[in-house]
Amino acid sequence: MKTITQIFLMFNLVAFKRFIVGKEPLRDNRRREFARLTFFRRSAL
């Protein structure tokens, strides 16, 4: 469980950095990463 939470936090940090930099469009990026996070949570549980 520890490794899963660490990976989850790292993924969130990467997404947050991308959001701050603003290199990628926000709407598309958010939808894609939200789908990934929901899928990752389901697979983890």
C-alpha atoms as a PDB file:
ATOM      1  CA  MET A   1       0.000   0.000   0.000  1.00  0.00           C
ATOM      2  CA  LYS A   2       2.831   2.403   0.724  1.00  0.00           C
ATOM      3  CA  THR A   3       4.252   2.100  -2.773  1.00  0.00           C
ATOM      4  CA  ILE A   4       0.811   2.660  -4.314  1.00  0.00           C
ATOM      5  CA  THR A   5       0.258   5.851  -2.321  1.00  0.00           C
ATOM      6  CA  GLN A   6       3.750   7.106  -3.190  1.00  0.00           C
ATOM      7  CA  ILE A   7       3.176   6.533  -6.917  1.00  0.00           C
ATOM      8  CA  PHE A   8      -0.207   8.255  -6.618  1.00  0.00           C
ATOM      9  CA  LEU A   9       1.368  11.298  -4.936  1.00  0.00           C
ATOM     10  CA  MET A  10       4.157  11.473  -7.515  1.00  0.00           C
ATOM     11  CA  PHE A  11       1.596  11.352 -10.341  1.00  0.00           C
ATOM     12  CA  ASN A  12      -0.353  14.199  -8.735  1.00  0.00           C
ATOM     13  CA  LEU A  13       2.838  16.261  -8.393  1.00  0.00           C
ATOM     14  CA  VAL A  14       3.666  15.775 -12.073  1.00  0.00           C
ATOM     15  CA  ALA A  15       0.165  16.852 -13.088  1.00  0.00           C
ATOM     16  CA  PHE A  16       0.367  19.892 -10.787  1.00  0.00           C
ATOM     17  CA  LYS A  17       3.740  20.933 -12.252  1.00  0.00           C
ATOM     18  CA  ARG A  18       2.325  20.637 -15.775  1.00  0.00           C
ATOM     19  CA  PHE A  19      -0.621  22.790 -14.709  1.00  0.00           C
ATOM     20  CA  ILE A  20       1.721  25.466 -13.295  1.00  0.00           C
ATOM     21  CA  VAL A  21       3.969  25.504 -16.355  1.00  0.00           C
ATOM     22  CA  GLY A  22       0.961  25.518 -18.686  1.00  0.00           C
ATOM     23  CA  LYS A  23       2.716  23.786 -21.576  1.00  0.00           C
ATOM     24  CA  GLU A  24      -0.246  21.501 -22.252  1.00  0.00           C
ATOM     25  CA  PRO A  25      -3.900  22.578 -22.642  1.00  0.00           C
ATOM     26  CA  LEU A  26      -5.700  22.363 -19.310  1.00  0.00           C
ATOM     27  CA  ARG A  27      -9.072  20.901 -20.333  1.00  0.00           C
ATOM     28  CA  ASP A  28      -7.807  17.925 -22.352  1.00  0.00           C
ATOM     29  CA  ASN A  29      -5.031  17.205 -19.867  1.00  0.00           C
ATOM     30  CA  ARG A  30      -7.414  17.275 -16.916  1.00  0.00           C
ATOM     31  CA  ARG A  31      -9.887  14.892 -18.532  1.00  0.00           C
ATOM     32  CA  ARG A  32      -7.170  12.418 -19.505  1.00  0.00           C
ATOM     33  CA  GLU A  33      -5.434  12.458 -16.125  1.00  0.00           C
ATOM     34  CA  PHE A  34      -8.751  12.260 -14.257  1.00  0.00           C
ATOM     35  CA  ALA A  35      -9.645   9.132 -16.244  1.00  0.00           C
ATOM     36  CA  ARG A  36      -6.199   7.696 -15.506  1.00  0.00           C
ATOM     37  CA  LEU A  37      -6.532   8.433 -11.782  1.00  0.00           C
ATOM     38  CA  THR A  38      -9.981   6.843 -11.522  1.00  0.00           C
ATOM     39  CA  PHE A  39      -8.742   3.756 -13.374  1.00  0.00           C
ATOM     40  CA  PHE A  40      -5.621   3.629 -11.189  1.00  0.00           C
ATOM     41  CA  ARG A  41      -7.703   3.854  -8.014  1.00  0.00           C
ATOM     42  CA  ARG A  42     -10.001   1.038  -9.168  1.00  0.00           C
ATOM     43  CA  SER A  43      -7.073  -1.198 -10.097  1.00  0.00           C
ATOM     44  CA  ALA A  44      -5.316  -0.403  -6.791  1.00  0.00           C
ATOM     45  CA  LEU A  45      -8.395  -1.225  -4.723  1.00  0.00           C
END
